[in-house]
């Protein structure tokens, strides 16, 4: 194998490594974007759960008040 052929081979290998690195970087960026989107969705879901918890607490208080008033009327 001549020096020119060796140099061509090394250049081919470097090009392959370069493509692999670009592909890995692209994949990592895509994964980071998806992770960011999931984090936003998780925050939104948590906010909705918190709001639902508040509403359930309010309904529970109203139900307790209703039961207390009903018991008072029957007594």
PDB file of N, CA and C in Angstrom:
ATOM      1  N   UNK A   1       0.849  -1.172   0.000  1.00  0.00           N
ATOM      2  CA  UNK A   1       0.000   0.000   0.000  1.00  0.00           C
ATOM      3  C   UNK A   1       0.895   1.236   0.000  1.00  0.00           C
ATOM      4  N   UNK A   2       0.635   2.122  -0.913  1.00  0.00           N
ATOM      5  CA  UNK A   2       1.461   3.331  -1.024  1.00  0.00           C
ATOM      6  C   UNK A   2       1.042   4.339   0.038  1.00  0.00           C
ATOM      7  N   UNK A   3       1.891   5.319   0.218  1.00  0.00           N
ATOM      8  CA  UNK A   3       1.581   6.378   1.176  1.00  0.00           C
ATOM      9  C   UNK A   3       0.313   7.130   0.779  1.00  0.00           C
ATOM     10  N   UNK A   4       0.114   7.335  -0.503  1.00  0.00           N
ATOM     11  CA  UNK A   4      -1.092   8.027  -0.983  1.00  0.00           C
ATOM     12  C   UNK A   4      -2.338   7.215  -0.653  1.00  0.00           C
ATOM     13  N   UNK A   5      -2.242   5.894  -0.808  1.00  0.00           N
ATOM     14  CA  UNK A   5      -3.382   5.033  -0.489  1.00  0.00           C
ATOM     15  C   UNK A   5      -3.657   5.033   1.015  1.00  0.00           C
ATOM     16  N   UNK A   6      -2.579   5.007   1.790  1.00  0.00           N
ATOM     17  CA  UNK A   6      -2.746   5.067   3.254  1.00  0.00           C
ATOM     18  C   UNK A   6      -3.398   6.378   3.662  1.00  0.00           C
ATOM     19  N   UNK A   7      -2.941   7.462   3.064  1.00  0.00           N
ATOM     20  CA  UNK A   7      -3.515   8.769   3.370  1.00  0.00           C
ATOM     21  C   UNK A   7      -4.989   8.807   2.981  1.00  0.00           C
ATOM     22  N   UNK A   8      -5.343   8.270   1.827  1.00  0.00           N
ATOM     23  CA  UNK A   8      -6.753   8.194   1.413  1.00  0.00           C
ATOM     24  C   UNK A   8      -7.570   7.375   2.406  1.00  0.00           C
ATOM     25  N   UNK A   9      -6.993   6.276   2.857  1.00  0.00           N
ATOM     26  CA  UNK A   9      -7.687   5.410   3.818  1.00  0.00           C
ATOM     27  C   UNK A   9      -7.926   6.159   5.137  1.00  0.00           C
ATOM     28  N   UNK A  10      -6.893   6.853   5.612  1.00  0.00           N
ATOM     29  CA  UNK A  10      -7.021   7.631   6.851  1.00  0.00           C
ATOM     30  C   UNK A  10      -8.070   8.727   6.678  1.00  0.00           C
ATOM     31  N   UNK A  11      -8.053   9.402   5.543  1.00  0.00           N
ATOM     32  CA  UNK A  11      -9.041  10.449   5.285  1.00  0.00           C
ATOM     33  C   UNK A  11     -10.453   9.869   5.252  1.00  0.00           C
ATOM     34  N   UNK A  12     -10.611   8.690   4.661  1.00  0.00           N
ATOM     35  CA  UNK A  12     -11.918   8.024   4.643  1.00  0.00           C
ATOM     36  C   UNK A  12     -12.381   7.685   6.059  1.00  0.00           C
ATOM     37  N   UNK A  13     -11.441   7.183   6.841  1.00  0.00           N
ATOM     38  CA  UNK A  13     -11.775   6.831   8.232  1.00  0.00           C
ATOM     39  C   UNK A  13     -12.149   8.078   9.028  1.00  0.00           C
ATOM     40  N   UNK A  14     -11.407   9.164   8.824  1.00  0.00           N
ATOM     41  CA  UNK A  14     -11.727  10.417   9.514  1.00  0.00           C
ATOM     42  C   UNK A  14     -13.091  10.949   9.092  1.00  0.00           C
ATOM     43  N   UNK A  15     -13.416  10.820   7.825  1.00  0.00           N
ATOM     44  CA  UNK A  15     -14.730  11.249   7.337  1.00  0.00           C
ATOM     45  C   UNK A  15     -15.837  10.417   7.991  1.00  0.00           C
ATOM     46  N   UNK A  16     -15.586   9.124   8.129  1.00  0.00           N
ATOM     47  CA  UNK A  16     -16.567   8.250   8.793  1.00  0.00           C
ATOM     48  C   UNK A  16     -16.747   8.662  10.252  1.00  0.00           C
ATOM     49  N   UNK A  17     -15.652   8.930  10.943  1.00  0.00           N
ATOM     50  CA  UNK A  17     -15.714   9.371  12.333  1.00  0.00           C
ATOM     51  C   UNK A  17     -16.466  10.699  12.426  1.00  0.00           C
ATOM     52  N   UNK A  18     -16.184  11.599  11.502  1.00  0.00           N
ATOM     53  CA  UNK A  18     -16.865  12.898  11.483  1.00  0.00           C
ATOM     54  C   UNK A  18     -18.373  12.712  11.327  1.00  0.00           C
ATOM     55  N   UNK A  19     -18.795  11.852  10.411  1.00  0.00           N
ATOM     56  CA  UNK A  19     -20.231  11.597  10.196  1.00  0.00           C
ATOM     57  C   UNK A  19     -20.869  10.995  11.447  1.00  0.00           C
ATOM     58  N   UNK A  20     -20.143  10.084  12.075  1.00  0.00           N
ATOM     59  CA  UNK A  20     -20.659   9.475  13.299  1.00  0.00           C
ATOM     60  C   UNK A  20     -20.816  10.497  14.417  1.00  0.00           C
ATOM     61  N   UNK A  21     -19.851  11.390  14.548  1.00  0.00           N
ATOM     62  CA  UNK A  21     -19.926  12.435  15.580  1.00  0.00           C
ATOM     63  C   UNK A  21     -21.079  13.399  15.306  1.00  0.00           C
ATOM     64  N   UNK A  22     -21.246  13.770  14.051  1.00  0.00           N
ATOM     65  CA  UNK A  22     -22.354  14.654  13.696  1.00  0.00           C
ATOM     66  C   UNK A  22     -23.687  13.976  13.985  1.00  0.00           C
ATOM     67  N   UNK A  23     -23.774  12.702  13.647  1.00  0.00           N
ATOM     68  CA  UNK A  23     -24.993  11.940  13.904  1.00  0.00           C
ATOM     69  C   UNK A  23     -25.271  11.836  15.401  1.00  0.00           C
ATOM     70  N   UNK A  24     -24.242  11.565  16.185  1.00  0.00           N
ATOM     71  CA  UNK A  24     -24.405  11.460  17.639  1.00  0.00           C
ATOM     72  C   UNK A  24     -24.821  12.803  18.233  1.00  0.00           C
ATOM     73  N   UNK A  25     -24.218  13.879  17.752  1.00  0.00           N
ATOM     74  CA  UNK A  25     -24.576  15.212  18.253  1.00  0.00           C
ATOM     75  C   UNK A  25     -26.016  15.545  17.893  1.00  0.00           C
ATOM     76  N   UNK A  26     -26.428  15.224  16.693  1.00  0.00           N
ATOM     77  CA  UNK A  26     -27.805  15.465  16.261  1.00  0.00           C
ATOM     78  C   UNK A  26     -28.786  14.674  17.112  1.00  0.00           C
ATOM     79  N   UNK A  27     -28.454  13.415  17.368  1.00  0.00           N
ATOM     80  CA  UNK A  27     -29.302  12.576  18.202  1.00  0.00           C
ATOM     81  C   UNK A  27     -29.408  13.152  19.612  1.00  0.00           C
ATOM     82  N   UNK A  28     -28.284  13.600  20.168  1.00  0.00           N
ATOM     83  CA  UNK A  28     -28.283  14.180  21.519  1.00  0.00           C
ATOM     84  C   UNK A  28     -29.136  15.442  21.570  1.00  0.00           C
ATOM     85  N   UNK A  29     -29.041  16.290  20.546  1.00  0.00           N
ATOM     86  CA  UNK A  29     -29.858  17.507  20.511  1.00  0.00           C
ATOM     87  C   UNK A  29     -31.339  17.153  20.442  1.00  0.00           C
ATOM     88  N   UNK A  30     -31.661  16.169  19.638  1.00  0.00           N
ATOM     89  CA  UNK A  30     -33.046  15.737  19.519  1.00  0.00           C
ATOM     90  C   UNK A  30     -33.554  15.179  20.843  1.00  0.00           C
ATOM     91  N   UNK A  31     -32.740  14.386  21.499  1.00  0.00           N
ATOM     92  CA  UNK A  31     -33.125  13.814  22.788  1.00  0.00           C
ATOM     93  C   UNK A  31     -33.316  14.917  23.824  1.00  0.00           C
ATOM     94  N   UNK A  32     -32.464  15.927  23.799  1.00  0.00           N
ATOM     95  CA  UNK A  32     -32.602  17.050  24.729  1.00  0.00           C
ATOM     96  C   UNK A  32     -33.882  17.822  24.479  1.00  0.00           C
ATOM     97  N   UNK A  33     -34.232  18.022  23.215  1.00  0.00           N
ATOM     98  CA  UNK A  33     -35.483  18.715  22.891  1.00  0.00           C
ATOM     99  C   UNK A  33     -36.683  17.926  23.403  1.00  0.00           C
ATOM    100  N   UNK A  34     -36.648  16.625  23.180  1.00  0.00           N
ATOM    101  CA  UNK A  34     -37.760  15.785  23.660  1.00  0.00           C
ATOM    102  C   UNK A  34     -37.838  15.798  25.175  1.00  0.00           C
ATOM    103  N   UNK A  35     -36.693  15.782  25.830  1.00  0.00           N
ATOM    104  CA  UNK A  35     -36.677  15.846  27.288  1.00  0.00           C
ATOM    105  C   UNK A  35     -37.257  17.166  27.775  1.00  0.00           C
ATOM    106  N   UNK A  36     -36.892  18.266  27.117  1.00  0.00           N
ATOM    107  CA  UNK A  36     -37.452  19.568  27.470  1.00  0.00           C
ATOM    108  C   UNK A  36     -38.963  19.586  27.285  1.00  0.00           C
ATOM    109  N   UNK A  37     -39.445  19.002  26.182  1.00  0.00           N
ATOM    110  CA  UNK A  37     -40.885  18.944  25.934  1.00  0.00           C
ATOM    111  C   UNK A  37     -41.588  18.113  27.001  1.00  0.00           C
ATOM    112  N   UNK A  38     -40.986  16.993  27.378  1.00  0.00           N
ATOM    113  CA  UNK A  38     -41.576  16.152  28.418  1.00  0.00           C
ATOM    114  C   UNK A  38     -41.608  16.866  29.762  1.00  0.00           C
ATOM    115  N   UNK A  39     -40.564  17.625  30.053  1.00  0.00           N
ATOM    116  CA  UNK A  39     -40.519  18.386  31.302  1.00  0.00           C
ATOM    117  C   UNK A  39     -41.631  19.417  31.334  1.00  0.00           C
ATOM    118  N   UNK A  40     -41.844  20.101  30.218  1.00  0.00           N
ATOM    119  CA  UNK A  40     -42.923  21.095  30.134  1.00  0.00           C
ATOM    120  C   UNK A  40     -44.278  20.414  30.328  1.00  0.00           C
ATOM    121  N   UNK A  41     -44.473  19.272  29.663  1.00  0.00           N
ATOM    122  CA  UNK A  41     -45.736  18.547  29.804  1.00  0.00           C
ATOM    123  C   UNK A  41     -45.932  18.052  31.235  1.00  0.00           C
ATOM    124  N   UNK A  42     -44.858  17.596  31.857  1.00  0.00           N
ATOM    125  CA  UNK A  42     -44.950  17.119  33.231  1.00  0.00           C
ATOM    126  C   UNK A  42     -45.318  18.276  34.164  1.00  0.00           C
ATOM    127  N   UNK A  43     -44.717  19.447  33.961  1.00  0.00           N
ATOM    128  CA  UNK A  43     -45.050  20.620  34.773  1.00  0.00           C
ATOM    129  C   UNK A  43     -46.510  21.007  34.595  1.00  0.00           C
ATOM    130  N   UNK A  44     -46.983  20.959  33.352  1.00  0.00           N
ATOM    131  CA  UNK A  44     -48.380  21.289  33.059  1.00  0.00           C
ATOM    132  C   UNK A  44     -49.318  20.296  33.745  1.00  0.00           C
ATOM    133  N   UNK A  45     -48.975  19.021  33.665  1.00  0.00           N
ATOM    134  CA  UNK A  45     -49.786  17.991  34.310  1.00  0.00           C
ATOM    135  C   UNK A  45     -49.801  18.180  35.821  1.00  0.00           C
ATOM    136  N   UNK A  46     -48.649  18.496  36.405  1.00  0.00           N
ATOM    137  CA  UNK A  46     -48.584  18.716  37.849  1.00  0.00           C
ATOM    138  C   UNK A  46     -49.438  19.906  38.253  1.00  0.00           C
ATOM    139  N   UNK A  47     -49.411  20.949  37.450  1.00  0.00           N
ATOM    140  CA  UNK A  47     -50.240  22.121  37.722  1.00  0.00           C
ATOM    141  C   UNK A  47     -51.722  21.754  37.691  1.00  0.00           C
ATOM    142  N   UNK A  48     -52.108  20.965  36.706  1.00  0.00           N
ATOM    143  CA  UNK A  48     -53.504  20.537  36.610  1.00  0.00           C
ATOM    144  C   UNK A  48     -53.887  19.654  37.796  1.00  0.00           C
ATOM    145  N   UNK A  49     -52.978  18.776  38.213  1.00  0.00           N
ATOM    146  CA  UNK A  49     -53.245  17.943  39.378  1.00  0.00           C
ATOM    147  C   UNK A  49     -53.386  18.789  40.640  1.00  0.00           C
ATOM    148  N   UNK A  50     -52.554  19.805  40.760  1.00  0.00           N
ATOM    149  CA  UNK A  50     -52.651  20.707  41.912  1.00  0.00           C
ATOM    150  C   UNK A  50     -54.004  21.418  41.928  1.00  0.00           C
ATOM    151  N   UNK A  51     -54.436  21.904  40.758  1.00  0.00           N
ATOM    152  CA  UNK A  51     -55.736  22.566  40.666  1.00  0.00           C
ATOM    153  C   UNK A  51     -56.861  21.600  41.003  1.00  0.00           C
ATOM    154  N   UNK A  52     -56.749  20.379  40.519  1.00  0.00           N
ATOM    155  CA  UNK A  52     -57.762  19.368  40.810  1.00  0.00           C
ATOM    156  C   UNK A  52     -57.799  19.077  42.303  1.00  0.00           C
ATOM    157  N   UNK A  53     -56.632  19.017  42.926  1.00  0.00           N
ATOM    158  CA  UNK A  53     -56.566  18.799  44.372  1.00  0.00           C
ATOM    159  C   UNK A  53     -57.277  19.899  45.135  1.00  0.00           C
ATOM    160  N   UNK A  54     -57.097  21.135  44.707  1.00  0.00           N
ATOM    161  CA  UNK A  54     -57.766  22.272  45.349  1.00  0.00           C
ATOM    162  C   UNK A  54     -59.280  22.123  45.197  1.00  0.00           C
ATOM    163  N   UNK A  55     -59.722  21.780  44.019  1.00  0.00           N
ATOM    164  CA  UNK A  55     -61.176  21.624  43.785  1.00  0.00           C
ATOM    165  C   UNK A  55     -61.747  20.486  44.618  1.00  0.00           C
ATOM    166  N   UNK A  56     -61.000  19.386  44.708  1.00  0.00           N
ATOM    167  CA  UNK A  56     -61.469  18.263  45.523  1.00  0.00           C
ATOM    168  C   UNK A  56     -61.571  18.689  46.986  1.00  0.00           C
ATOM    169  N   UNK A  57     -60.578  19.433  47.458  1.00  0.00           N
ATOM    170  CA  UNK A  57     -60.617  19.932  48.838  1.00  0.00           C
ATOM    171  C   UNK A  57     -61.833  20.833  49.052  1.00  0.00           C
ATOM    172  N   UNK A  58     -62.116  21.703  48.086  1.00  0.00           N
ATOM    173  CA  UNK A  58     -63.277  22.586  48.205  1.00  0.00           C
ATOM    174  C   UNK A  58     -64.574  21.781  48.248  1.00  0.00           C
ATOM    175  N   UNK A  59     -64.679  20.782  47.363  1.00  0.00           N
ATOM    176  CA  UNK A  59     -65.879  19.943  47.359  1.00  0.00           C
ATOM    177  C   UNK A  59     -66.002  19.166  48.663  1.00  0.00           C
ATOM    178  N   UNK A  60     -64.895  18.692  49.170  1.00  0.00           N
ATOM    179  CA  UNK A  60     -64.906  17.960  50.434  1.00  0.00           C
ATOM    180  C   UNK A  60     -65.384  18.860  51.573  1.00  0.00           C
ATOM    181  N   UNK A  61     -64.912  20.084  51.599  1.00  0.00           N
ATOM    182  CA  UNK A  61     -65.351  21.034  52.629  1.00  0.00           C
ATOM    183  C   UNK A  61     -66.842  21.316  52.511  1.00  0.00           C
ATOM    184  N   UNK A  62     -67.312  21.494  51.300  1.00  0.00           N
ATOM    185  CA  UNK A  62     -68.738  21.767  51.089  1.00  0.00           C
ATOM    186  C   UNK A  62     -69.588  20.571  51.493  1.00  0.00           C
ATOM    187  N   UNK A  63     -69.103  19.368  51.169  1.00  0.00           N
ATOM    188  CA  UNK A  63     -69.830  18.159  51.551  1.00  0.00           C
ATOM    189  C   UNK A  63     -69.872  18.013  53.068  1.00  0.00           C
ATOM    190  N   UNK A  64     -68.750  18.277  53.714  1.00  0.00           N
ATOM    191  CA  UNK A  64     -68.716  18.220  55.179  1.00  0.00           C
ATOM    192  C   UNK A  64     -69.675  19.239  55.777  1.00  0.00           C
ATOM    193  N   UNK A  65     -69.706  20.417  55.204  1.00  0.00           N
ATOM    194  CA  UNK A  65     -70.620  21.457  55.679  1.00  0.00           C
ATOM    195  C   UNK A  65     -72.065  21.016  55.488  1.00  0.00           C
ATOM    196  N   UNK A  66     -72.360  20.419  54.343  1.00  0.00           N
ATOM    197  CA  UNK A  66     -73.711  19.919  54.075  1.00  0.00           C
ATOM    198  C   UNK A  66     -74.108  18.852  55.090  1.00  0.00           C
ATOM    199  N   UNK A  67     -73.196  17.905  55.346  1.00  0.00           N
ATOM    200  CA  UNK A  67     -73.479  16.844  56.316  1.00  0.00           C
ATOM    201  C   UNK A  67     -73.712  17.437  57.703  1.00  0.00           C
ATOM    202  N   UNK A  68     -72.871  18.381  58.087  1.00  0.00           N
ATOM    203  CA  UNK A  68     -73.028  19.016  59.403  1.00  0.00           C
ATOM    204  C   UNK A  68     -74.362  19.748  59.516  1.00  0.00           C
ATOM    205  N   UNK A  69     -74.724  20.462  58.463  1.00  0.00           N
ATOM    206  CA  UNK A  69     -75.995  21.183  58.489  1.00  0.00           C
ATOM    207  C   UNK A  69     -77.171  20.199  58.520  1.00  0.00           C
ATOM    208  N   UNK A  70     -77.064  19.111  57.783  1.00  0.00           N
ATOM    209  CA  UNK A  70     -78.123  18.096  57.764  1.00  0.00           C
ATOM    210  C   UNK A  70     -78.267  17.458  59.131  1.00  0.00           C
ATOM    211  N   UNK A  71     -77.154  17.130  59.751  1.00  0.00           N
ATOM    212  CA  UNK A  71     -77.190  16.546  61.098  1.00  0.00           C
ATOM    213  C   UNK A  71     -77.794  17.517  62.114  1.00  0.00           C
ATOM    214  N   UNK A  72     -77.433  18.785  61.954  1.00  0.00           N
ATOM    215  CA  UNK A  72     -77.961  19.809  62.868  1.00  0.00           C
ATOM    216  C   UNK A  72     -79.480  19.910  62.711  1.00  0.00           C
ATOM    217  N   UNK A  73     -79.968  19.837  61.471  1.00  0.00           N
ATOM    218  CA  UNK A  73     -81.403  19.935  61.244  1.00  0.00           C
ATOM    219  C   UNK A  73     -82.149  18.738  61.824  1.00  0.00           C
ATOM    220  N   UNK A  74     -81.560  17.562  61.731  1.00  0.00           N
ATOM    221  CA  UNK A  74     -82.224  16.368  62.256  1.00  0.00           C
ATOM    222  C   UNK A  74     -82.150  16.292  63.770  1.00  0.00           C
ATOM    223  N   UNK A  75     -81.201  16.963  64.372  1.00  0.00           N
ATOM    224  CA  UNK A  75     -81.072  16.949  65.836  1.00  0.00           C
ATOM    225  C   UNK A  75     -81.909  18.053  66.378  1.00  0.00           C
TER     226      UNK A  75
END
